[in-house]
Amino acid sequence: MDVGMNFSKPDITSITPSVVSFYGRNNAVLAGFNLRNVTKVRIQADVDCSPKESPVWNQTDTTLMFHIPGTDTKGTIKACAVLSDGTCHGAATITYQSLPSCTDITPKSSWYSGGRKLTLTGSSLEFVEEIIHSHTTQKVRLSRIISYQSLTYDTPAAEHTWGSSHSAVLLKVGNQTLPCPTKLNYYPDPEFTSFTSTRKGEDVLITIQKKADKLEMTTAELSVWGVQEEKQYPCIIKDNRRNIETDFLMCEIPSIPTEEIQLLVIKYGDKTVRLRFLSSVHQAILMLRLLFIPIVVVALVTICWWQKRLSAEMKTL
């Protein structure tokens, strides 16, 4: 059927999403038929004398995009497709519900390089369009698994990499932002220092040493492979023991011919670290280098003190 300026009458089959919060929704998708000549989407409550209209873009005959405007109250409104002659066709409903809220974030820290998976808990979180970190303009990758009470996402990298820093976390809903009460701490990336390998029956036990830090990494956040003659063997993580200065991570490589592992590949977040095995000779050389530094410092301080004393004695003569 032709209407107005010989345009085919548009019809609406769905709007996605059709349930939104008070703040509305950006980039909603309207599906239907004969949509190419639609200029606006009109949104109106039954008792509203002043309907709202949103411009459209990315039109085809079967889909178009538009922004769902915000409102002040819960309830259901009607939407129709407007042609250039002002006539409005089709009918669909949009339901407004409560705003999302954020109550907690776990874990409460990230390493500088980013990519740590966090879980944000609260209510009505399915209405969140984007997560914003105050320290950066980087886009945050939201997981596709978003429920009413939780969502997961990967942290963006820190822009400054010295000391620790903080970042406020905000929920973007429509064109508004809502703050989370928990701030996120950024710390230096984990530092893996060395490893040893020990035969255990047919398997090999790998013990990895890592400098103690404030990240409180779990074994689920790490993946480890042992490299032997250019072949990678998955190392199944068994335990993570924390100490005051050093953390010990234990993993097992099952059914491997020899315990001689030349290299470990350790992955966390988006980062991959390669840790080479240090033989006893290399470890001794490294220890001597570390001991040599304070010896040189003490020697320089002693020489400086001796020169000052000698100069003072010369003045008294």
C-alpha atoms as a PDB file:
ATOM      1  CA  MET A   1       0.000   0.000   0.000  1.00  0.00           C
ATOM      2  CA  ASP A   2       1.320   3.453  -0.926  1.00  0.00           C
ATOM      3  CA  VAL A   3       1.092   6.385   1.456  1.00  0.00           C
ATOM      4  CA  GLY A   4       2.137  10.044   1.417  1.00  0.00           C
ATOM      5  CA  MET A   5       4.595  10.722  -1.407  1.00  0.00           C
ATOM      6  CA  ASN A   6       4.150   7.274  -3.030  1.00  0.00           C
ATOM      7  CA  PHE A   7       6.199   5.627  -0.260  1.00  0.00           C
ATOM      8  CA  SER A   8       5.454   2.045   0.712  1.00  0.00           C
ATOM      9  CA  LYS A   9       3.912   1.848   4.141  1.00  0.00           C
ATOM     10  CA  PRO A  10       6.572   0.886   6.744  1.00  0.00           C
ATOM     11  CA  ASP A  11       5.883  -1.772   9.324  1.00  0.00           C
ATOM     12  CA  ILE A  12       7.729  -2.609  12.588  1.00  0.00           C
ATOM     13  CA  THR A  13       8.402  -6.179  13.726  1.00  0.00           C
ATOM     14  CA  SER A  14      10.745  -5.528  16.684  1.00  0.00           C
ATOM     15  CA  ILE A  15      12.960  -3.073  18.564  1.00  0.00           C
ATOM     16  CA  THR A  16      16.182  -4.297  20.175  1.00  0.00           C
ATOM     17  CA  PRO A  17      16.505  -3.762  23.037  1.00  0.00           C
ATOM     18  CA  SER A  18      12.864  -3.254  23.920  1.00  0.00           C
ATOM     19  CA  VAL A  19      13.494  -2.981  27.685  1.00  0.00           C
ATOM     20  CA  VAL A  20      15.745  -0.104  28.816  1.00  0.00           C
ATOM     21  CA  SER A  21      16.482   2.036  31.878  1.00  0.00           C
ATOM     22  CA  PHE A  22      15.264   5.584  32.620  1.00  0.00           C
ATOM     23  CA  TYR A  23      18.283   6.936  30.709  1.00  0.00           C
ATOM     24  CA  GLY A  24      17.244   5.263  27.435  1.00  0.00           C
ATOM     25  CA  ARG A  25      19.586   3.475  25.065  1.00  0.00           C
ATOM     26  CA  ASN A  26      21.996   4.422  22.302  1.00  0.00           C
ATOM     27  CA  ASN A  27      22.162   2.560  18.990  1.00  0.00           C
ATOM     28  CA  ALA A  28      18.898   0.637  19.279  1.00  0.00           C
ATOM     29  CA  VAL A  29      17.873  -1.427  16.239  1.00  0.00           C
ATOM     30  CA  LEU A  30      14.389  -1.280  14.728  1.00  0.00           C
ATOM     31  CA  ALA A  31      13.499  -4.138  12.377  1.00  0.00           C
ATOM     32  CA  GLY A  32      10.594  -4.387   9.962  1.00  0.00           C
ATOM     33  CA  PHE A  33       9.690  -3.783   6.318  1.00  0.00           C
ATOM     34  CA  ASN A  34       9.831  -0.793   3.939  1.00  0.00           C
ATOM     35  CA  LEU A  35      12.037   1.187   6.329  1.00  0.00           C
ATOM     36  CA  ARG A  36      14.316   2.911   3.799  1.00  0.00           C
ATOM     37  CA  ASN A  37      12.217   6.105   3.645  1.00  0.00           C
ATOM     38  CA  VAL A  38      11.669   6.445   7.399  1.00  0.00           C
ATOM     39  CA  THR A  39      13.048   9.760   8.714  1.00  0.00           C
ATOM     40  CA  LYS A  40      12.376   9.468  12.467  1.00  0.00           C
ATOM     41  CA  VAL A  41      11.071   7.193  15.184  1.00  0.00           C
ATOM     42  CA  ARG A  42       8.282   8.714  17.257  1.00  0.00           C
ATOM     43  CA  ILE A  43       7.996   7.646  20.895  1.00  0.00           C
ATOM     44  CA  GLN A  44       4.912   8.480  22.946  1.00  0.00           C
ATOM     45  CA  ALA A  45       3.214   7.358  26.154  1.00  0.00           C
ATOM     46  CA  ASP A  46      -0.557   6.945  26.220  1.00  0.00           C
ATOM     47  CA  VAL A  47      -1.018  10.075  28.354  1.00  0.00           C
ATOM     48  CA  ASP A  48       1.845  12.080  26.831  1.00  0.00           C
ATOM     49  CA  CYS A  49       0.762  15.088  24.772  1.00  0.00           C
ATOM     50  CA  SER A  50       4.319  15.823  23.621  1.00  0.00           C
ATOM     51  CA  PRO A  51       5.868  12.843  21.839  1.00  0.00           C
ATOM     52  CA  LYS A  52       9.637  12.528  21.419  1.00  0.00           C
ATOM     53  CA  GLU A  53      11.243  11.903  18.047  1.00  0.00           C
ATOM     54  CA  SER A  54      14.648  10.395  17.316  1.00  0.00           C
ATOM     55  CA  PRO A  55      16.496  10.662  13.972  1.00  0.00           C
ATOM     56  CA  VAL A  56      17.487   7.431  12.224  1.00  0.00           C
ATOM     57  CA  TRP A  57      20.587   6.209  10.369  1.00  0.00           C
ATOM     58  CA  ASN A  58      22.065   3.072   8.756  1.00  0.00           C
ATOM     59  CA  GLN A  59      18.756   2.413   7.033  1.00  0.00           C
ATOM     60  CA  THR A  60      17.932  -0.537   4.830  1.00  0.00           C
ATOM     61  CA  ASP A  61      14.545  -1.868   3.805  1.00  0.00           C
ATOM     62  CA  THR A  62      14.487  -4.120   6.888  1.00  0.00           C
ATOM     63  CA  THR A  63      16.515  -2.378   9.660  1.00  0.00           C
ATOM     64  CA  LEU A  64      17.490   1.050  10.936  1.00  0.00           C
ATOM     65  CA  MET A  65      19.192   2.468  14.024  1.00  0.00           C
ATOM     66  CA  PHE A  66      18.092   5.177  16.454  1.00  0.00           C
ATOM     67  CA  HIS A  67      18.581   6.362  20.028  1.00  0.00           C
ATOM     68  CA  ILE A  68      15.865   5.576  22.580  1.00  0.00           C
ATOM     69  CA  PRO A  69      15.447   8.788  24.623  1.00  0.00           C
ATOM     70  CA  GLY A  70      15.336   8.830  28.416  1.00  0.00           C
ATOM     71  CA  THR A  71      12.275   9.333  30.596  1.00  0.00           C
ATOM     72  CA  ASP A  72      11.397  10.139  34.212  1.00  0.00           C
ATOM     73  CA  THR A  73       9.188   7.179  35.108  1.00  0.00           C
ATOM     74  CA  LYS A  74       8.839   3.450  34.673  1.00  0.00           C
ATOM     75  CA  GLY A  75       6.290   2.184  32.189  1.00  0.00           C
ATOM     76  CA  THR A  76       5.632   1.153  28.606  1.00  0.00           C
ATOM     77  CA  ILE A  77       5.489   3.527  25.640  1.00  0.00           C
ATOM     78  CA  LYS A  78       4.676   3.074  21.940  1.00  0.00           C
ATOM     79  CA  ALA A  79       6.951   3.676  18.973  1.00  0.00           C
ATOM     80  CA  CYS A  80       6.127   4.183  15.288  1.00  0.00           C
ATOM     81  CA  ALA A  81       8.085   4.956  12.113  1.00  0.00           C
ATOM     82  CA  VAL A  82       7.706   8.499  10.683  1.00  0.00           C
ATOM     83  CA  LEU A  83       7.849   9.301   6.962  1.00  0.00           C
ATOM     84  CA  SER A  84       8.781  12.664   5.464  1.00  0.00           C
ATOM     85  CA  ASP A  85       5.105  13.676   5.176  1.00  0.00           C
ATOM     86  CA  GLY A  86       4.720  13.357   8.959  1.00  0.00           C
ATOM     87  CA  THR A  87       2.601  10.216   8.936  1.00  0.00           C
ATOM     88  CA  CYS A  88       3.546   7.533  11.476  1.00  0.00           C
ATOM     89  CA  HIS A  89       3.233   3.813  10.781  1.00  0.00           C
ATOM     90  CA  GLY A  90       3.724   0.537  12.567  1.00  0.00           C
ATOM     91  CA  ALA A  91       3.639  -0.072  16.295  1.00  0.00           C
ATOM     92  CA  ALA A  92       6.085  -1.443  18.837  1.00  0.00           C
ATOM     93  CA  THR A  93       6.493  -1.073  22.597  1.00  0.00           C
ATOM     94  CA  ILE A  94       9.466  -0.003  24.714  1.00  0.00           C
ATOM     95  CA  THR A  95       9.507  -0.630  28.468  1.00  0.00           C
ATOM     96  CA  TYR A  96      11.397   1.643  30.877  1.00  0.00           C
ATOM     97  CA  GLN A  97      12.788   0.164  34.102  1.00  0.00           C
ATOM     98  CA  SER A  98      15.107   1.169  36.973  1.00  0.00           C
ATOM     99  CA  LEU A  99      18.652   2.486  36.519  1.00  0.00           C
ATOM    100  CA  PRO A 100      21.559   0.076  36.941  1.00  0.00           C
ATOM    101  CA  SER A 101      23.693   0.258  40.068  1.00  0.00           C
ATOM    102  CA  CYS A 102      27.192  -0.941  40.968  1.00  0.00           C
ATOM    103  CA  THR A 103      27.955  -2.343  44.421  1.00  0.00           C
ATOM    104  CA  ASP A 104      31.364  -4.041  44.100  1.00  0.00           C
ATOM    105  CA  ILE A 105      34.253  -4.959  41.790  1.00  0.00           C
ATOM    106  CA  THR A 106      36.461  -8.050  42.146  1.00  0.00           C
ATOM    107  CA  PRO A 107      39.386  -8.206  42.049  1.00  0.00           C
ATOM    108  CA  LYS A 108      39.987  -4.587  43.050  1.00  0.00           C
ATOM    109  CA  SER A 109      43.270  -4.150  41.188  1.00  0.00           C
ATOM    110  CA  SER A 110      44.890  -4.568  37.782  1.00  0.00           C
ATOM    111  CA  TRP A 111      48.422  -4.777  36.432  1.00  0.00           C
ATOM    112  CA  TYR A 112      49.762  -1.892  34.327  1.00  0.00           C
ATOM    113  CA  SER A 113      49.508  -3.706  30.982  1.00  0.00           C
ATOM    114  CA  GLY A 114      45.748  -4.233  31.434  1.00  0.00           C
ATOM    115  CA  GLY A 115      43.692  -7.179  30.270  1.00  0.00           C
ATOM    116  CA  ARG A 116      42.799  -8.401  33.769  1.00  0.00           C
ATOM    117  CA  LYS A 117      39.281  -9.823  33.900  1.00  0.00           C
ATOM    118  CA  LEU A 118      37.104  -8.107  36.508  1.00  0.00           C
ATOM    119  CA  THR A 119      33.593  -8.928  37.696  1.00  0.00           C
ATOM    120  CA  LEU A 120      31.292  -6.029  38.500  1.00  0.00           C
ATOM    121  CA  THR A 121      28.253  -6.787  40.670  1.00  0.00           C
ATOM    122  CA  GLY A 122      25.104  -4.744  41.227  1.00  0.00           C
ATOM    123  CA  SER A 123      21.592  -4.614  39.813  1.00  0.00           C
ATOM    124  CA  SER A 124      19.991  -3.996  36.395  1.00  0.00           C
ATOM    125  CA  LEU A 125      23.452  -4.334  34.827  1.00  0.00           C
ATOM    126  CA  GLU A 126      21.985  -5.590  31.540  1.00  0.00           C
ATOM    127  CA  PHE A 127      21.279  -1.915  30.763  1.00  0.00           C
ATOM    128  CA  VAL A 128      24.988  -0.935  30.902  1.00  0.00           C
ATOM    129  CA  GLU A 129      26.305   0.051  27.468  1.00  0.00           C
ATOM    130  CA  GLU A 130      29.917   0.770  28.356  1.00  0.00           C
ATOM    131  CA  ILE A 131      32.399   0.785  31.244  1.00  0.00           C
ATOM    132  CA  ILE A 132      34.548   3.914  31.610  1.00  0.00           C
ATOM    133  CA  HIS A 133      37.834   4.143  33.543  1.00  0.00           C
ATOM    134  CA  SER A 134      38.664   7.703  34.566  1.00  0.00           C
ATOM    135  CA  HIS A 135      42.415   7.345  33.906  1.00  0.00           C
ATOM    136  CA  THR A 136      42.142   6.578  30.191  1.00  0.00           C
ATOM    137  CA  THR A 137      40.142   7.109  27.010  1.00  0.00           C
ATOM    138  CA  GLN A 138      40.687   3.497  25.890  1.00  0.00           C
ATOM    139  CA  LYS A 139      37.578   1.493  25.084  1.00  0.00           C
ATOM    140  CA  VAL A 140      36.758  -1.220  27.606  1.00  0.00           C
ATOM    141  CA  ARG A 141      35.901  -4.646  26.223  1.00  0.00           C
ATOM    142  CA  LEU A 142      32.650  -5.880  27.755  1.00  0.00           C
ATOM    143  CA  SER A 143      31.984  -9.605  27.970  1.00  0.00           C
ATOM    144  CA  ARG A 144      28.966 -10.930  26.111  1.00  0.00           C
ATOM    145  CA  ILE A 145      27.936 -12.646  29.355  1.00  0.00           C
ATOM    146  CA  ILE A 146      26.012  -9.893  31.132  1.00  0.00           C
ATOM    147  CA  SER A 147      23.291 -10.706  33.632  1.00  0.00           C
ATOM    148  CA  TYR A 148      20.986  -8.701  35.847  1.00  0.00           C
ATOM    149  CA  GLN A 149      23.470  -8.865  38.759  1.00  0.00           C
ATOM    150  CA  SER A 150      26.944  -9.150  37.202  1.00  0.00           C
ATOM    151  CA  LEU A 151      29.070  -8.403  34.177  1.00  0.00           C
ATOM    152  CA  THR A 152      32.702  -9.083  33.342  1.00  0.00           C
ATOM    153  CA  TYR A 153      35.200  -7.001  31.400  1.00  0.00           C
ATOM    154  CA  ASP A 154      38.933  -6.679  30.753  1.00  0.00           C
ATOM    155  CA  THR A 155      40.744  -3.694  32.241  1.00  0.00           C
ATOM    156  CA  PRO A 156      42.393  -1.133  29.949  1.00  0.00           C
ATOM    157  CA  ALA A 157      46.134  -0.516  30.325  1.00  0.00           C
ATOM    158  CA  ALA A 158      47.427   2.158  32.679  1.00  0.00           C
ATOM    159  CA  GLU A 159      48.708   5.339  31.026  1.00  0.00           C
ATOM    160  CA  HIS A 160      51.353   5.966  33.722  1.00  0.00           C
ATOM    161  CA  THR A 161      53.616   3.104  34.810  1.00  0.00           C
ATOM    162  CA  TRP A 162      55.296   4.231  37.980  1.00  0.00           C
ATOM    163  CA  GLY A 163      54.204   3.482  41.522  1.00  0.00           C
ATOM    164  CA  SER A 164      50.542   2.689  42.090  1.00  0.00           C
ATOM    165  CA  SER A 165      47.610   4.635  40.688  1.00  0.00           C
ATOM    166  CA  HIS A 166      43.845   4.701  41.077  1.00  0.00           C
ATOM    167  CA  SER A 167      41.001   4.778  38.590  1.00  0.00           C
ATOM    168  CA  ALA A 168      37.341   5.577  39.131  1.00  0.00           C
ATOM    169  CA  VAL A 169      34.932   3.191  37.399  1.00  0.00           C
ATOM    170  CA  LEU A 170      31.774   4.550  35.738  1.00  0.00           C
ATOM    171  CA  LEU A 171      28.788   2.890  34.075  1.00  0.00           C
ATOM    172  CA  LYS A 172      27.638   4.493  30.811  1.00  0.00           C
ATOM    173  CA  VAL A 173      23.872   4.261  30.320  1.00  0.00           C
ATOM    174  CA  GLY A 174      22.325   6.202  27.455  1.00  0.00           C
ATOM    175  CA  ASN A 175      24.110   9.572  27.530  1.00  0.00           C
ATOM    176  CA  GLN A 176      24.666   9.532  31.307  1.00  0.00           C
ATOM    177  CA  THR A 177      27.303   7.998  33.616  1.00  0.00           C
ATOM    178  CA  LEU A 178      26.834   6.382  37.024  1.00  0.00           C
ATOM    179  CA  PRO A 179      29.813   5.992  39.427  1.00  0.00           C
ATOM    180  CA  CYS A 180      30.827   2.756  41.144  1.00  0.00           C
ATOM    181  CA  PRO A 181      31.711   3.158  44.828  1.00  0.00           C
ATOM    182  CA  THR A 182      34.855   1.019  44.447  1.00  0.00           C
ATOM    183  CA  LYS A 183      38.001   2.528  42.922  1.00  0.00           C
ATOM    184  CA  LEU A 184      40.426   0.307  41.039  1.00  0.00           C
ATOM    185  CA  ASN A 185      44.124   0.178  41.966  1.00  0.00           C
ATOM    186  CA  TYR A 186      46.824  -0.236  39.311  1.00  0.00           C
ATOM    187  CA  TYR A 187      50.114  -1.935  40.252  1.00  0.00           C
ATOM    188  CA  PRO A 188      53.238  -2.986  38.291  1.00  0.00           C
ATOM    189  CA  ASP A 189      52.964  -6.172  36.247  1.00  0.00           C
ATOM    190  CA  PRO A 190      53.903  -9.425  38.043  1.00  0.00           C
ATOM    191  CA  GLU A 191      57.627 -10.165  37.927  1.00  0.00           C
ATOM    192  CA  PHE A 192      58.578 -13.820  37.468  1.00  0.00           C
ATOM    193  CA  THR A 193      62.238 -14.294  38.440  1.00  0.00           C
ATOM    194  CA  SER A 194      63.232 -17.965  38.064  1.00  0.00           C
ATOM    195  CA  PHE A 195      62.047 -21.561  38.027  1.00  0.00           C
ATOM    196  CA  THR A 196      63.214 -25.076  38.879  1.00  0.00           C
ATOM    197  CA  SER A 197      62.096 -28.462  37.526  1.00  0.00           C
ATOM    198  CA  THR A 198      61.958 -31.767  39.422  1.00  0.00           C
ATOM    199  CA  ARG A 199      61.090 -35.261  38.224  1.00  0.00           C
ATOM    200  CA  LYS A 200      57.971 -36.689  39.934  1.00  0.00           C
ATOM    201  CA  GLY A 201      57.320 -40.174  38.558  1.00  0.00           C
ATOM    202  CA  GLU A 202      56.436 -39.744  34.888  1.00  0.00           C
ATOM    203  CA  ASP A 203      55.639 -36.061  35.407  1.00  0.00           C
ATOM    204  CA  VAL A 204      57.774 -32.974  35.964  1.00  0.00           C
ATOM    205  CA  LEU A 205      57.030 -30.501  38.776  1.00  0.00           C
ATOM    206  CA  ILE A 206      57.828 -26.879  37.928  1.00  0.00           C
ATOM    207  CA  THR A 207      58.276 -24.351  40.741  1.00  0.00           C
ATOM    208  CA  ILE A 208      58.160 -20.733  39.566  1.00  0.00           C
ATOM    209  CA  GLN A 209      59.363 -17.872  41.741  1.00  0.00           C
ATOM    210  CA  LYS A 210      57.645 -14.489  41.515  1.00  0.00           C
ATOM    211  CA  LYS A 211      58.301 -11.287  43.432  1.00  0.00           C
ATOM    212  CA  ALA A 212      55.605 -10.669  46.040  1.00  0.00           C
ATOM    213  CA  ASP A 213      53.168  -7.910  45.043  1.00  0.00           C
ATOM    214  CA  LYS A 214      49.704  -6.538  45.817  1.00  0.00           C
ATOM    215  CA  LEU A 215      47.901  -8.063  42.840  1.00  0.00           C
ATOM    216  CA  GLU A 216      46.724 -11.254  44.614  1.00  0.00           C
ATOM    217  CA  MET A 217      46.709 -13.207  41.357  1.00  0.00           C
ATOM    218  CA  THR A 218      44.845 -16.498  41.295  1.00  0.00           C
ATOM    219  CA  THR A 219      45.938 -19.650  39.485  1.00  0.00           C
ATOM    220  CA  ALA A 220      42.960 -19.238  37.132  1.00  0.00           C
ATOM    221  CA  GLU A 221      44.534 -16.019  35.782  1.00  0.00           C
ATOM    222  CA  LEU A 222      47.733 -17.779  34.664  1.00  0.00           C
ATOM    223  CA  SER A 223      48.576 -20.197  31.870  1.00  0.00           C
ATOM    224  CA  VAL A 224      52.008 -21.879  31.744  1.00  0.00           C
ATOM    225  CA  TRP A 225      53.813 -23.983  29.138  1.00  0.00           C
ATOM    226  CA  GLY A 226      57.216 -25.655  29.381  1.00  0.00           C
ATOM    227  CA  VAL A 227      59.416 -25.609  26.283  1.00  0.00           C
ATOM    228  CA  GLN A 228      61.677 -28.548  25.522  1.00  0.00           C
ATOM    229  CA  GLU A 229      63.479 -28.829  22.181  1.00  0.00           C
ATOM    230  CA  GLU A 230      61.151 -26.169  20.691  1.00  0.00           C
ATOM    231  CA  LYS A 231      58.037 -28.138  21.675  1.00  0.00           C
ATOM    232  CA  GLN A 232      55.532 -26.645  24.150  1.00  0.00           C
ATOM    233  CA  TYR A 233      54.020 -28.751  26.944  1.00  0.00           C
ATOM    234  CA  PRO A 234      51.063 -27.434  28.986  1.00  0.00           C
ATOM    235  CA  CYS A 235      51.919 -27.082  32.670  1.00  0.00           C
ATOM    236  CA  ILE A 236      48.872 -27.750  34.867  1.00  0.00           C
ATOM    237  CA  ILE A 237      48.838 -25.281  37.754  1.00  0.00           C
ATOM    238  CA  LYS A 238      48.465 -26.979  41.143  1.00  0.00           C
ATOM    239  CA  ASP A 239      49.217 -24.407  43.844  1.00  0.00           C
ATOM    240  CA  ASN A 240      50.133 -20.782  44.523  1.00  0.00           C
ATOM    241  CA  ARG A 241      51.902 -20.046  47.820  1.00  0.00           C
ATOM    242  CA  ARG A 242      52.443 -16.485  48.944  1.00  0.00           C
ATOM    243  CA  ASN A 243      55.334 -15.315  51.087  1.00  0.00           C
ATOM    244  CA  ILE A 244      56.569 -11.974  52.374  1.00  0.00           C
ATOM    245  CA  GLU A 245      59.121 -11.426  49.594  1.00  0.00           C
ATOM    246  CA  THR A 246      58.558 -14.258  47.113  1.00  0.00           C
ATOM    247  CA  ASP A 247      55.539 -16.139  45.773  1.00  0.00           C
ATOM    248  CA  PHE A 248      55.881 -19.755  44.618  1.00  0.00           C
ATOM    249  CA  LEU A 249      53.730 -21.114  41.809  1.00  0.00           C
ATOM    250  CA  MET A 250      53.681 -24.890  41.293  1.00  0.00           C
ATOM    251  CA  CYS A 251      52.575 -26.637  38.116  1.00  0.00           C
ATOM    252  CA  GLU A 252      53.008 -30.117  36.609  1.00  0.00           C
ATOM    253  CA  ILE A 253      53.826 -31.251  33.083  1.00  0.00           C
ATOM    254  CA  PRO A 254      52.439 -34.790  32.661  1.00  0.00           C
ATOM    255  CA  SER A 255      54.253 -37.621  30.850  1.00  0.00           C
ATOM    256  CA  ILE A 256      57.268 -35.695  29.575  1.00  0.00           C
ATOM    257  CA  PRO A 257      60.487 -37.543  28.526  1.00  0.00           C
ATOM    258  CA  THR A 258      62.958 -35.467  30.560  1.00  0.00           C
ATOM    259  CA  GLU A 259      62.889 -32.856  33.309  1.00  0.00           C
ATOM    260  CA  GLU A 260      65.206 -30.511  31.400  1.00  0.00           C
ATOM    261  CA  ILE A 261      62.964 -27.516  30.633  1.00  0.00           C
ATOM    262  CA  GLN A 262      64.882 -24.683  28.950  1.00  0.00           C
ATOM    263  CA  LEU A 263      62.099 -22.131  28.834  1.00  0.00           C
ATOM    264  CA  LEU A 264      58.712 -21.322  30.367  1.00  0.00           C
ATOM    265  CA  VAL A 265      55.984 -19.397  28.553  1.00  0.00           C
ATOM    266  CA  ILE A 266      53.721 -17.634  31.056  1.00  0.00           C
ATOM    267  CA  LYS A 267      50.543 -15.857  29.952  1.00  0.00           C
ATOM    268  CA  TYR A 268      48.376 -13.528  32.030  1.00  0.00           C
ATOM    269  CA  GLY A 269      45.794 -11.094  30.663  1.00  0.00           C
ATOM    270  CA  ASP A 270      46.979  -9.998  27.219  1.00  0.00           C
ATOM    271  CA  LYS A 271      50.668 -10.385  28.052  1.00  0.00           C
ATOM    272  CA  THR A 272      53.064 -13.282  27.474  1.00  0.00           C
ATOM    273  CA  VAL A 273      56.342 -13.618  29.405  1.00  0.00           C
ATOM    274  CA  ARG A 274      59.241 -15.945  28.528  1.00  0.00           C
ATOM    275  CA  LEU A 275      61.332 -17.123  31.467  1.00  0.00           C
ATOM    276  CA  ARG A 276      64.599 -18.923  30.716  1.00  0.00           C
ATOM    277  CA  PHE A 277      66.151 -21.541  32.966  1.00  0.00           C
ATOM    278  CA  LEU A 278      69.279 -20.407  34.816  1.00  0.00           C
ATOM    279  CA  SER A 279      71.850 -23.135  35.436  1.00  0.00           C
ATOM    280  CA  SER A 280      73.779 -23.210  38.725  1.00  0.00           C
ATOM    281  CA  VAL A 281      76.696 -21.497  36.987  1.00  0.00           C
ATOM    282  CA  HIS A 282      74.481 -18.684  35.688  1.00  0.00           C
ATOM    283  CA  GLN A 283      72.870 -18.315  39.104  1.00  0.00           C
ATOM    284  CA  ALA A 284      76.304 -18.057  40.763  1.00  0.00           C
ATOM    285  CA  ILE A 285      77.382 -15.376  38.273  1.00  0.00           C
ATOM    286  CA  LEU A 286      74.167 -13.445  38.859  1.00  0.00           C
ATOM    287  CA  MET A 287      74.666 -13.672  42.634  1.00  0.00           C
ATOM    288  CA  LEU A 288      78.234 -12.375  42.308  1.00  0.00           C
ATOM    289  CA  ARG A 289      76.986  -9.441  40.244  1.00  0.00           C
ATOM    290  CA  LEU A 290      74.404  -8.590  42.877  1.00  0.00           C
ATOM    291  CA  LEU A 291      77.013  -8.835  45.658  1.00  0.00           C
ATOM    292  CA  PHE A 292      79.529  -6.788  43.664  1.00  0.00           C
ATOM    293  CA  ILE A 293      77.291  -3.683  43.630  1.00  0.00           C
ATOM    294  CA  PRO A 294      77.184  -3.102  47.422  1.00  0.00           C
ATOM    295  CA  ILE A 295      80.908  -3.900  47.699  1.00  0.00           C
ATOM    296  CA  VAL A 296      81.709  -1.158  45.168  1.00  0.00           C
ATOM    297  CA  VAL A 297      79.425   1.288  46.987  1.00  0.00           C
ATOM    298  CA  VAL A 298      81.119   0.568  50.340  1.00  0.00           C
ATOM    299  CA  ALA A 299      84.558   0.949  48.755  1.00  0.00           C
ATOM    300  CA  LEU A 300      83.653   4.333  47.221  1.00  0.00           C
ATOM    301  CA  VAL A 301      82.216   5.603  50.523  1.00  0.00           C
ATOM    302  CA  THR A 302      85.380   4.450  52.358  1.00  0.00           C
ATOM    303  CA  ILE A 303      87.673   6.167  49.834  1.00  0.00           C
ATOM    304  CA  CYS A 304      85.663   9.386  50.039  1.00  0.00           C
ATOM    305  CA  TRP A 305      85.787   9.304  53.859  1.00  0.00           C
ATOM    306  CA  TRP A 306      89.530   8.611  53.839  1.00  0.00           C
ATOM    307  CA  GLN A 307      90.185  11.530  51.450  1.00  0.00           C
ATOM    308  CA  LYS A 308      88.189  13.921  53.636  1.00  0.00           C
ATOM    309  CA  ARG A 309      90.085  12.805  56.759  1.00  0.00           C
ATOM    310  CA  LEU A 310      93.442  13.135  55.031  1.00  0.00           C
ATOM    311  CA  SER A 311      92.522  16.627  53.829  1.00  0.00           C
ATOM    312  CA  ALA A 312      91.523  17.645  57.359  1.00  0.00           C
ATOM    313  CA  GLU A 313      94.847  16.371  58.792  1.00  0.00           C
ATOM    314  CA  MET A 314      96.816  18.278  56.138  1.00  0.00           C
ATOM    315  CA  LYS A 315      95.092  21.540  57.170  1.00  0.00           C
ATOM    316  CA  THR A 316      96.134  21.102  60.783  1.00  0.00           C
ATOM    317  CA  LEU A 317      99.858  20.815  59.903  1.00  0.00           C
END
